[in-house]
């Protein structure tokens, strides 16, 4: 049974992995998929506004979805996880990869 990506257990495991695999502060790459909806993309972009994030967007082959790759410098794993939580709270139907 897999752990849902919004559970505390999932985030604790992720935090441990982030501490093991990188020295902090570090560049981090977020990846999200949302339905092609300009308002949802605007909310997603607003979460990372004024942080120096580089956002690359790619539409799916049939145009129904947009993938967003967001790269930015983060101070620690806790900050990475807080952004994941903020995105899932604010952007309805987002898929985090």
PDB file of N, CA and C in Angstrom:
ATOM      1  N   UNK A   1       0.842  -1.174   0.000  1.00  0.00           N
ATOM      2  CA  UNK A   1       0.000   0.000   0.000  1.00  0.00           C
ATOM      3  C   UNK A   1       0.895   1.248   0.000  1.00  0.00           C
ATOM      4  N   UNK A   2       0.655   2.147  -0.923  1.00  0.00           N
ATOM      5  CA  UNK A   2       1.488   3.348  -0.990  1.00  0.00           C
ATOM      6  C   UNK A   2       0.919   4.441  -0.089  1.00  0.00           C
ATOM      7  N   UNK A   3       1.795   5.342   0.316  1.00  0.00           N
ATOM      8  CA  UNK A   3       1.404   6.431   1.191  1.00  0.00           C
ATOM      9  C   UNK A   3       0.900   7.599   0.349  1.00  0.00           C
ATOM     10  N   UNK A   4      -0.248   8.164   0.691  1.00  0.00           N
ATOM     11  CA  UNK A   4      -0.743   9.310  -0.074  1.00  0.00           C
ATOM     12  C   UNK A   4       0.250  10.465   0.000  1.00  0.00           C
ATOM     13  N   UNK A   5       0.440  11.202  -1.110  1.00  0.00           N
ATOM     14  CA  UNK A   5       1.458  12.238  -1.136  1.00  0.00           C
ATOM     15  C   UNK A   5       1.181  13.433  -0.239  1.00  0.00           C
ATOM     16  N   UNK A   6       0.032  13.511   0.389  1.00  0.00           N
ATOM     17  CA  UNK A   6      -0.228  14.646   1.277  1.00  0.00           C
ATOM     18  C   UNK A   6      -0.241  14.241   2.749  1.00  0.00           C
ATOM     19  N   UNK A   7       0.228  13.032   3.049  1.00  0.00           N
ATOM     20  CA  UNK A   7       0.216  12.580   4.432  1.00  0.00           C
ATOM     21  C   UNK A   7       1.487  13.001   5.161  1.00  0.00           C
ATOM     22  N   UNK A   8       1.384  13.145   6.473  1.00  0.00           N
ATOM     23  CA  UNK A   8       2.539  13.516   7.287  1.00  0.00           C
ATOM     24  C   UNK A   8       3.660  12.497   7.149  1.00  0.00           C
ATOM     25  N   UNK A   9       3.292  11.225   7.064  1.00  0.00           N
ATOM     26  CA  UNK A   9       4.296  10.161   6.923  1.00  0.00           C
ATOM     27  C   UNK A   9       5.094  10.329   5.631  1.00  0.00           C
ATOM     28  N   UNK A  10       4.398  10.647   4.548  1.00  0.00           N
ATOM     29  CA  UNK A  10       5.055  10.874   3.255  1.00  0.00           C
ATOM     30  C   UNK A  10       6.051  12.021   3.368  1.00  0.00           C
ATOM     31  N   UNK A  11       5.635  13.128   3.972  1.00  0.00           N
ATOM     32  CA  UNK A  11       6.506  14.296   4.070  1.00  0.00           C
ATOM     33  C   UNK A  11       7.697  14.057   4.992  1.00  0.00           C
ATOM     34  N   UNK A  12       7.518  13.295   6.055  1.00  0.00           N
ATOM     35  CA  UNK A  12       8.639  12.967   6.934  1.00  0.00           C
ATOM     36  C   UNK A  12       9.680  12.130   6.195  1.00  0.00           C
ATOM     37  N   UNK A  13       9.202  11.168   5.402  1.00  0.00           N
ATOM     38  CA  UNK A  13      10.111  10.330   4.614  1.00  0.00           C
ATOM     39  C   UNK A  13      10.852  11.188   3.587  1.00  0.00           C
ATOM     40  N   UNK A  14      10.134  12.083   2.920  1.00  0.00           N
ATOM     41  CA  UNK A  14      10.745  12.967   1.939  1.00  0.00           C
ATOM     42  C   UNK A  14      11.799  13.856   2.593  1.00  0.00           C
ATOM     43  N   UNK A  15      11.489  14.395   3.766  1.00  0.00           N
ATOM     44  CA  UNK A  15      12.441  15.253   4.468  1.00  0.00           C
ATOM     45  C   UNK A  15      13.738  14.500   4.747  1.00  0.00           C
ATOM     46  N   UNK A  16      13.629  13.272   5.211  1.00  0.00           N
ATOM     47  CA  UNK A  16      14.817  12.454   5.470  1.00  0.00           C
ATOM     48  C   UNK A  16      15.626  12.220   4.209  1.00  0.00           C
ATOM     49  N   UNK A  17      14.946  11.922   3.106  1.00  0.00           N
ATOM     50  CA  UNK A  17      15.635  11.687   1.839  1.00  0.00           C
ATOM     51  C   UNK A  17      16.339  12.949   1.355  1.00  0.00           C
ATOM     52  N   UNK A  18      15.683  14.100   1.527  1.00  0.00           N
ATOM     53  CA  UNK A  18      16.289  15.355   1.083  1.00  0.00           C
ATOM     54  C   UNK A  18      17.548  15.681   1.886  1.00  0.00           C
ATOM     55  N   UNK A  19      17.516  15.429   3.190  1.00  0.00           N
ATOM     56  CA  UNK A  19      18.705  15.663   4.007  1.00  0.00           C
ATOM     57  C   UNK A  19      19.850  14.733   3.618  1.00  0.00           C
ATOM     58  N   UNK A  20      19.510  13.499   3.208  1.00  0.00           N
ATOM     59  CA  UNK A  20      20.534  12.521   2.841  1.00  0.00           C
ATOM     60  C   UNK A  20      21.162  12.800   1.484  1.00  0.00           C
ATOM     61  N   UNK A  21      20.393  13.374   0.560  1.00  0.00           N
ATOM     62  CA  UNK A  21      20.857  13.477  -0.821  1.00  0.00           C
ATOM     63  C   UNK A  21      21.392  14.837  -1.228  1.00  0.00           C
ATOM     64  N   UNK A  22      21.288  15.850  -0.373  1.00  0.00           N
ATOM     65  CA  UNK A  22      21.758  17.181  -0.771  1.00  0.00           C
ATOM     66  C   UNK A  22      22.298  17.930   0.436  1.00  0.00           C
ATOM     67  N   UNK A  23      23.184  18.897   0.169  1.00  0.00           N
ATOM     68  CA  UNK A  23      23.608  19.812   1.223  1.00  0.00           C
ATOM     69  C   UNK A  23      22.791  21.092   1.035  1.00  0.00           C
ATOM     70  N   UNK A  24      22.399  21.681   2.118  1.00  0.00           N
ATOM     71  CA  UNK A  24      21.475  22.816   2.062  1.00  0.00           C
ATOM     72  C   UNK A  24      22.141  24.102   2.475  1.00  0.00           C
ATOM     73  N   UNK A  25      21.778  25.231   1.865  1.00  0.00           N
ATOM     74  CA  UNK A  25      20.749  25.432   0.842  1.00  0.00           C
ATOM     75  C   UNK A  25      21.131  24.732  -0.471  1.00  0.00           C
ATOM     76  N   UNK A  26      20.108  24.418  -1.265  1.00  0.00           N
ATOM     77  CA  UNK A  26      20.316  23.661  -2.491  1.00  0.00           C
ATOM     78  C   UNK A  26      19.278  24.043  -3.543  1.00  0.00           C
ATOM     79  N   UNK A  27      19.629  23.812  -4.795  1.00  0.00           N
ATOM     80  CA  UNK A  27      18.685  23.989  -5.894  1.00  0.00           C
ATOM     81  C   UNK A  27      17.719  22.806  -5.859  1.00  0.00           C
ATOM     82  N   UNK A  28      16.406  23.094  -5.983  1.00  0.00           N
ATOM     83  CA  UNK A  28      15.413  22.027  -5.942  1.00  0.00           C
ATOM     84  C   UNK A  28      14.508  22.163  -7.156  1.00  0.00           C
ATOM     85  N   UNK A  29      14.120  21.027  -7.735  1.00  0.00           N
ATOM     86  CA  UNK A  29      13.245  21.007  -8.901  1.00  0.00           C
ATOM     87  C   UNK A  29      11.901  20.393  -8.524  1.00  0.00           C
ATOM     88  N   UNK A  30      10.873  21.226  -8.553  1.00  0.00           N
ATOM     89  CA  UNK A  30       9.502  20.768  -8.346  1.00  0.00           C
ATOM     90  C   UNK A  30       8.923  20.403  -9.708  1.00  0.00           C
ATOM     91  N   UNK A  31       8.056  19.389  -9.719  1.00  0.00           N
ATOM     92  CA  UNK A  31       7.341  19.039 -10.942  1.00  0.00           C
ATOM     93  C   UNK A  31       5.872  18.823 -10.592  1.00  0.00           C
ATOM     94  N   UNK A  32       5.016  19.514 -11.341  1.00  0.00           N
ATOM     95  CA  UNK A  32       3.581  19.427 -11.119  1.00  0.00           C
ATOM     96  C   UNK A  32       2.873  19.233 -12.448  1.00  0.00           C
ATOM     97  N   UNK A  33       1.702  18.604 -12.387  1.00  0.00           N
ATOM     98  CA  UNK A  33       0.820  18.480 -13.549  1.00  0.00           C
ATOM     99  C   UNK A  33      -0.537  19.024 -13.127  1.00  0.00           C
ATOM    100  N   UNK A  34      -1.093  19.898 -13.985  1.00  0.00           N
ATOM    101  CA  UNK A  34      -2.438  20.424 -13.736  1.00  0.00           C
ATOM    102  C   UNK A  34      -3.221  20.377 -15.041  1.00  0.00           C
ATOM    103  N   UNK A  35      -4.554  20.427 -14.929  1.00  0.00           N
ATOM    104  CA  UNK A  35      -5.381  20.525 -16.125  1.00  0.00           C
ATOM    105  C   UNK A  35      -5.091  21.866 -16.780  1.00  0.00           C
ATOM    106  N   UNK A  36      -5.214  21.912 -18.100  1.00  0.00           N
ATOM    107  CA  UNK A  36      -4.972  23.163 -18.826  1.00  0.00           C
ATOM    108  C   UNK A  36      -6.022  24.187 -18.421  1.00  0.00           C
ATOM    109  N   UNK A  37      -5.639  25.012 -17.491  1.00  0.00           N
ATOM    110  CA  UNK A  37      -6.526  26.037 -16.946  1.00  0.00           C
ATOM    111  C   UNK A  37      -5.630  27.204 -16.544  1.00  0.00           C
ATOM    112  N   UNK A  38      -5.795  28.315 -17.234  1.00  0.00           N
ATOM    113  CA  UNK A  38      -4.916  29.460 -16.983  1.00  0.00           C
ATOM    114  C   UNK A  38      -5.017  29.977 -15.553  1.00  0.00           C
ATOM    115  N   UNK A  39      -6.194  29.884 -14.951  1.00  0.00           N
ATOM    116  CA  UNK A  39      -6.333  30.378 -13.574  1.00  0.00           C
ATOM    117  C   UNK A  39      -5.570  29.486 -12.596  1.00  0.00           C
ATOM    118  N   UNK A  40      -5.592  28.173 -12.818  1.00  0.00           N
ATOM    119  CA  UNK A  40      -4.830  27.269 -11.950  1.00  0.00           C
ATOM    120  C   UNK A  40      -3.331  27.498 -12.116  1.00  0.00           C
ATOM    121  N   UNK A  41      -2.888  27.730 -13.348  1.00  0.00           N
ATOM    122  CA  UNK A  41      -1.471  27.991 -13.584  1.00  0.00           C
ATOM    123  C   UNK A  41      -1.071  29.303 -12.922  1.00  0.00           C
ATOM    124  N   UNK A  42      -1.937  30.288 -12.945  1.00  0.00           N
ATOM    125  CA  UNK A  42      -1.638  31.574 -12.304  1.00  0.00           C
ATOM    126  C   UNK A  42      -1.475  31.401 -10.796  1.00  0.00           C
ATOM    127  N   UNK A  43      -2.307  30.563 -10.192  1.00  0.00           N
ATOM    128  CA  UNK A  43      -2.201  30.305  -8.752  1.00  0.00           C
ATOM    129  C   UNK A  43      -0.896  29.580  -8.462  1.00  0.00           C
ATOM    130  N   UNK A  44      -0.566  28.587  -9.272  1.00  0.00           N
ATOM    131  CA  UNK A  44       0.691  27.854  -9.092  1.00  0.00           C
ATOM    132  C   UNK A  44       1.890  28.801  -9.201  1.00  0.00           C
ATOM    133  N   UNK A  45       1.888  29.648 -10.205  1.00  0.00           N
ATOM    134  CA  UNK A  45       2.990  30.593 -10.376  1.00  0.00           C
ATOM    135  C   UNK A  45       3.069  31.569  -9.204  1.00  0.00           C
ATOM    136  N   UNK A  46       1.921  31.969  -8.669  1.00  0.00           N
ATOM    137  CA  UNK A  46       1.892  32.914  -7.549  1.00  0.00           C
ATOM    138  C   UNK A  46       2.539  32.328  -6.291  1.00  0.00           C
ATOM    139  N   UNK A  47       2.430  31.017  -6.102  1.00  0.00           N
ATOM    140  CA  UNK A  47       3.046  30.364  -4.939  1.00  0.00           C
ATOM    141  C   UNK A  47       4.565  30.560  -4.949  1.00  0.00           C
ATOM    142  N   UNK A  48       5.140  30.610  -6.139  1.00  0.00           N
ATOM    143  CA  UNK A  48       6.598  30.731  -6.267  1.00  0.00           C
ATOM    144  C   UNK A  48       7.038  32.144  -6.685  1.00  0.00           C
ATOM    145  N   UNK A  49       6.110  33.099  -6.663  1.00  0.00           N
ATOM    146  CA  UNK A  49       6.405  34.472  -7.083  1.00  0.00           C
ATOM    147  C   UNK A  49       7.433  35.124  -6.158  1.00  0.00           C
ATOM    148  N   UNK A  50       8.291  35.940  -6.740  1.00  0.00           N
ATOM    149  CA  UNK A  50       9.317  36.693  -6.005  1.00  0.00           C
ATOM    150  C   UNK A  50      10.314  35.809  -5.253  1.00  0.00           C
ATOM    151  N   UNK A  51      10.545  34.601  -5.753  1.00  0.00           N
ATOM    152  CA  UNK A  51      11.502  33.698  -5.117  1.00  0.00           C
ATOM    153  C   UNK A  51      12.677  33.387  -6.036  1.00  0.00           C
ATOM    154  N   UNK A  52      12.666  33.951  -7.229  1.00  0.00           N
ATOM    155  CA  UNK A  52      13.731  33.659  -8.190  1.00  0.00           C
ATOM    156  C   UNK A  52      13.557  32.328  -8.885  1.00  0.00           C
ATOM    157  N   UNK A  53      12.329  31.827  -8.919  1.00  0.00           N
ATOM    158  CA  UNK A  53      12.059  30.524  -9.532  1.00  0.00           C
ATOM    159  C   UNK A  53      12.091  30.610 -11.053  1.00  0.00           C
ATOM    160  N   UNK A  54      12.608  29.549 -11.663  1.00  0.00           N
ATOM    161  CA  UNK A  54      12.557  29.397 -13.114  1.00  0.00           C
ATOM    162  C   UNK A  54      11.462  28.380 -13.397  1.00  0.00           C
ATOM    163  N   UNK A  55      10.422  28.818 -14.115  1.00  0.00           N
ATOM    164  CA  UNK A  55       9.264  27.964 -14.372  1.00  0.00           C
ATOM    165  C   UNK A  55       9.204  27.630 -15.857  1.00  0.00           C
ATOM    166  N   UNK A  56       9.214  26.323 -16.151  1.00  0.00           N
ATOM    167  CA  UNK A  56       9.077  25.855 -17.528  1.00  0.00           C
ATOM    168  C   UNK A  56       7.766  25.091 -17.630  1.00  0.00           C
ATOM    169  N   UNK A  57       6.941  25.478 -18.619  1.00  0.00           N
ATOM    170  CA  UNK A  57       5.634  24.852 -18.807  1.00  0.00           C
ATOM    171  C   UNK A  57       5.602  24.109 -20.140  1.00  0.00           C
ATOM    172  N   UNK A  58       4.997  22.933 -20.117  1.00  0.00           N
ATOM    173  CA  UNK A  58       4.855  22.131 -21.326  1.00  0.00           C
ATOM    174  C   UNK A  58       3.434  21.584 -21.387  1.00  0.00           C
ATOM    175  N   UNK A  59       2.755  21.826 -22.521  1.00  0.00           N
ATOM    176  CA  UNK A  59       1.411  21.265 -22.701  1.00  0.00           C
ATOM    177  C   UNK A  59       1.514  19.803 -23.113  1.00  0.00           C
ATOM    178  N   UNK A  60       0.526  19.026 -22.687  1.00  0.00           N
ATOM    179  CA  UNK A  60       0.488  17.626 -23.097  1.00  0.00           C
ATOM    180  C   UNK A  60       0.159  17.540 -24.585  1.00  0.00           C
ATOM    181  N   UNK A  61       0.364  16.380 -25.141  1.00  0.00           N
ATOM    182  CA  UNK A  61       0.149  16.167 -26.569  1.00  0.00           C
ATOM    183  C   UNK A  61      -1.261  16.560 -27.008  1.00  0.00           C
ATOM    184  N   UNK A  62      -2.253  16.210 -26.184  1.00  0.00           N
ATOM    185  CA  UNK A  62      -3.635  16.531 -26.543  1.00  0.00           C
ATOM    186  C   UNK A  62      -4.108  17.875 -25.976  1.00  0.00           C
ATOM    187  N   UNK A  63      -3.238  18.559 -25.225  1.00  0.00           N
ATOM    188  CA  UNK A  63      -3.564  19.889 -24.721  1.00  0.00           C
ATOM    189  C   UNK A  63      -4.427  19.930 -23.475  1.00  0.00           C
ATOM    190  N   UNK A  64      -4.730  18.775 -22.893  1.00  0.00           N
ATOM    191  CA  UNK A  64      -5.601  18.745 -21.712  1.00  0.00           C
ATOM    192  C   UNK A  64      -4.858  19.077 -20.423  1.00  0.00           C
ATOM    193  N   UNK A  65      -3.547  18.882 -20.406  1.00  0.00           N
ATOM    194  CA  UNK A  65      -2.763  19.078 -19.187  1.00  0.00           C
ATOM    195  C   UNK A  65      -1.538  19.943 -19.468  1.00  0.00           C
ATOM    196  N   UNK A  66      -1.037  20.546 -18.413  1.00  0.00           N
ATOM    197  CA  UNK A  66       0.210  21.298 -18.479  1.00  0.00           C
ATOM    198  C   UNK A  66       1.118  20.757 -17.389  1.00  0.00           C
ATOM    199  N   UNK A  67       2.378  20.477 -17.764  1.00  0.00           N
ATOM    200  CA  UNK A  67       3.360  20.116 -16.743  1.00  0.00           C
ATOM    201  C   UNK A  67       4.190  21.358 -16.472  1.00  0.00           C
ATOM    202  N   UNK A  68       4.491  21.571 -15.210  1.00  0.00           N
ATOM    203  CA  UNK A  68       5.307  22.702 -14.798  1.00  0.00           C
ATOM    204  C   UNK A  68       6.516  22.184 -14.040  1.00  0.00           C
ATOM    205  N   UNK A  69       7.701  22.570 -14.506  1.00  0.00           N
ATOM    206  CA  UNK A  69       8.949  22.271 -13.807  1.00  0.00           C
ATOM    207  C   UNK A  69       9.428  23.586 -13.213  1.00  0.00           C
ATOM    208  N   UNK A  70       9.602  23.603 -11.910  1.00  0.00           N
ATOM    209  CA  UNK A  70       9.943  24.833 -11.200  1.00  0.00           C
ATOM    210  C   UNK A  70      11.243  24.609 -10.439  1.00  0.00           C
ATOM    211  N   UNK A  71      12.252  25.354 -10.824  1.00  0.00           N
ATOM    212  CA  UNK A  71      13.567  25.218 -10.219  1.00  0.00           C
ATOM    213  C   UNK A  71      13.892  26.475  -9.423  1.00  0.00           C
ATOM    214  N   UNK A  72      14.342  26.276  -8.171  1.00  0.00           N
ATOM    215  CA  UNK A  72      14.742  27.407  -7.351  1.00  0.00           C
ATOM    216  C   UNK A  72      15.594  26.949  -6.190  1.00  0.00           C
ATOM    217  N   UNK A  73      16.285  27.897  -5.605  1.00  0.00           N
ATOM    218  CA  UNK A  73      17.129  27.607  -4.454  1.00  0.00           C
ATOM    219  C   UNK A  73      16.258  27.600  -3.198  1.00  0.00           C
ATOM    220  N   UNK A  74      16.396  26.539  -2.424  1.00  0.00           N
ATOM    221  CA  UNK A  74      15.625  26.406  -1.189  1.00  0.00           C
ATOM    222  C   UNK A  74      16.598  26.274  -0.018  1.00  0.00           C
ATOM    223  N   UNK A  75      16.257  26.859   1.142  1.00  0.00           N
ATOM    224  CA  UNK A  75      17.181  26.858   2.275  1.00  0.00           C
ATOM    225  C   UNK A  75      17.333  25.508   2.974  1.00  0.00           C
ATOM    226  N   UNK A  76      16.239  24.699   2.995  1.00  0.00           N
ATOM    227  CA  UNK A  76      16.270  23.421   3.708  1.00  0.00           C
ATOM    228  C   UNK A  76      15.095  22.552   3.285  1.00  0.00           C
ATOM    229  N   UNK A  77      15.104  21.270   3.641  1.00  0.00           N
ATOM    230  CA  UNK A  77      13.997  20.377   3.284  1.00  0.00           C
ATOM    231  C   UNK A  77      12.636  20.818   3.837  1.00  0.00           C
ATOM    232  N   UNK A  78      12.632  21.439   4.995  1.00  0.00           N
ATOM    233  CA  UNK A  78      11.358  21.901   5.560  1.00  0.00           C
ATOM    234  C   UNK A  78      10.695  22.931   4.645  1.00  0.00           C
ATOM    235  N   UNK A  79      11.501  23.822   4.059  1.00  0.00           N
ATOM    236  CA  UNK A  79      10.968  24.831   3.136  1.00  0.00           C
ATOM    237  C   UNK A  79      10.441  24.176   1.861  1.00  0.00           C
ATOM    238  N   UNK A  80      11.127  23.124   1.390  1.00  0.00           N
ATOM    239  CA  UNK A  80      10.669  22.383   0.217  1.00  0.00           C
ATOM    240  C   UNK A  80       9.284  21.797   0.485  1.00  0.00           C
ATOM    241  N   UNK A  81       9.129  21.165   1.628  1.00  0.00           N
ATOM    242  CA  UNK A  81       7.868  20.515   1.986  1.00  0.00           C
ATOM    243  C   UNK A  81       6.758  21.548   2.181  1.00  0.00           C
ATOM    244  N   UNK A  82       7.069  22.690   2.780  1.00  0.00           N
ATOM    245  CA  UNK A  82       6.055  23.740   2.963  1.00  0.00           C
ATOM    246  C   UNK A  82       5.508  24.204   1.615  1.00  0.00           C
ATOM    247  N   UNK A  83       6.359  24.308   0.603  1.00  0.00           N
ATOM    248  CA  UNK A  83       5.892  24.716  -0.730  1.00  0.00           C
ATOM    249  C   UNK A  83       4.994  23.642  -1.336  1.00  0.00           C
ATOM    250  N   UNK A  84       5.362  22.361  -1.163  1.00  0.00           N
ATOM    251  CA  UNK A  84       4.491  21.291  -1.652  1.00  0.00           C
ATOM    252  C   UNK A  84       3.106  21.409  -1.010  1.00  0.00           C
ATOM    253  N   UNK A  85       3.078  21.606   0.302  1.00  0.00           N
ATOM    254  CA  UNK A  85       1.807  21.709   1.012  1.00  0.00           C
ATOM    255  C   UNK A  85       1.012  22.921   0.545  1.00  0.00           C
ATOM    256  N   UNK A  86       1.691  24.042   0.336  1.00  0.00           N
ATOM    257  CA  UNK A  86       1.013  25.256  -0.121  1.00  0.00           C
ATOM    258  C   UNK A  86       0.389  25.045  -1.498  1.00  0.00           C
ATOM    259  N   UNK A  87       1.120  24.394  -2.392  1.00  0.00           N
ATOM    260  CA  UNK A  87       0.602  24.133  -3.734  1.00  0.00           C
ATOM    261  C   UNK A  87      -0.626  23.227  -3.660  1.00  0.00           C
ATOM    262  N   UNK A  88      -0.558  22.147  -2.884  1.00  0.00           N
ATOM    263  CA  UNK A  88      -1.695  21.224  -2.822  1.00  0.00           C
ATOM    264  C   UNK A  88      -2.921  21.873  -2.164  1.00  0.00           C
ATOM    265  N   UNK A  89      -2.702  22.839  -1.272  1.00  0.00           N
ATOM    266  CA  UNK A  89      -3.821  23.551  -0.657  1.00  0.00           C
ATOM    267  C   UNK A  89      -4.468  24.544  -1.616  1.00  0.00           C
ATOM    268  N   UNK A  90      -3.664  25.190  -2.449  1.00  0.00           N
ATOM    269  CA  UNK A  90      -4.160  26.296  -3.267  1.00  0.00           C
ATOM    270  C   UNK A  90      -4.562  25.919  -4.687  1.00  0.00           C
ATOM    271  N   UNK A  91      -3.973  24.857  -5.246  1.00  0.00           N
ATOM    272  CA  UNK A  91      -4.227  24.493  -6.632  1.00  0.00           C
ATOM    273  C   UNK A  91      -5.032  23.199  -6.657  1.00  0.00           C
ATOM    274  N   UNK A  92      -6.292  23.326  -6.997  1.00  0.00           N
ATOM    275  CA  UNK A  92      -7.192  22.162  -7.004  1.00  0.00           C
ATOM    276  C   UNK A  92      -6.788  21.169  -8.106  1.00  0.00           C
ATOM    277  N   UNK A  93      -6.692  19.906  -7.714  1.00  0.00           N
ATOM    278  CA  UNK A  93      -6.418  18.830  -8.668  1.00  0.00           C
ATOM    279  C   UNK A  93      -4.972  18.710  -9.129  1.00  0.00           C
ATOM    280  N   UNK A  94      -4.055  19.400  -8.460  1.00  0.00           N
ATOM    281  CA  UNK A  94      -2.652  19.336  -8.874  1.00  0.00           C
ATOM    282  C   UNK A  94      -2.070  17.961  -8.550  1.00  0.00           C
ATOM    283  N   UNK A  95      -1.182  17.510  -9.436  1.00  0.00           N
ATOM    284  CA  UNK A  95      -0.466  16.260  -9.222  1.00  0.00           C
ATOM    285  C   UNK A  95       0.997  16.625  -9.011  1.00  0.00           C
ATOM    286  N   UNK A  96       1.560  16.210  -7.904  1.00  0.00           N
ATOM    287  CA  UNK A  96       2.972  16.454  -7.597  1.00  0.00           C
ATOM    288  C   UNK A  96       3.786  15.237  -7.993  1.00  0.00           C
ATOM    289  N   UNK A  97       4.876  15.476  -8.668  1.00  0.00           N
ATOM    290  CA  UNK A  97       5.747  14.367  -9.074  1.00  0.00           C
ATOM    291  C   UNK A  97       7.047  14.423  -8.303  1.00  0.00           C
TER     292      UNK A  97
END
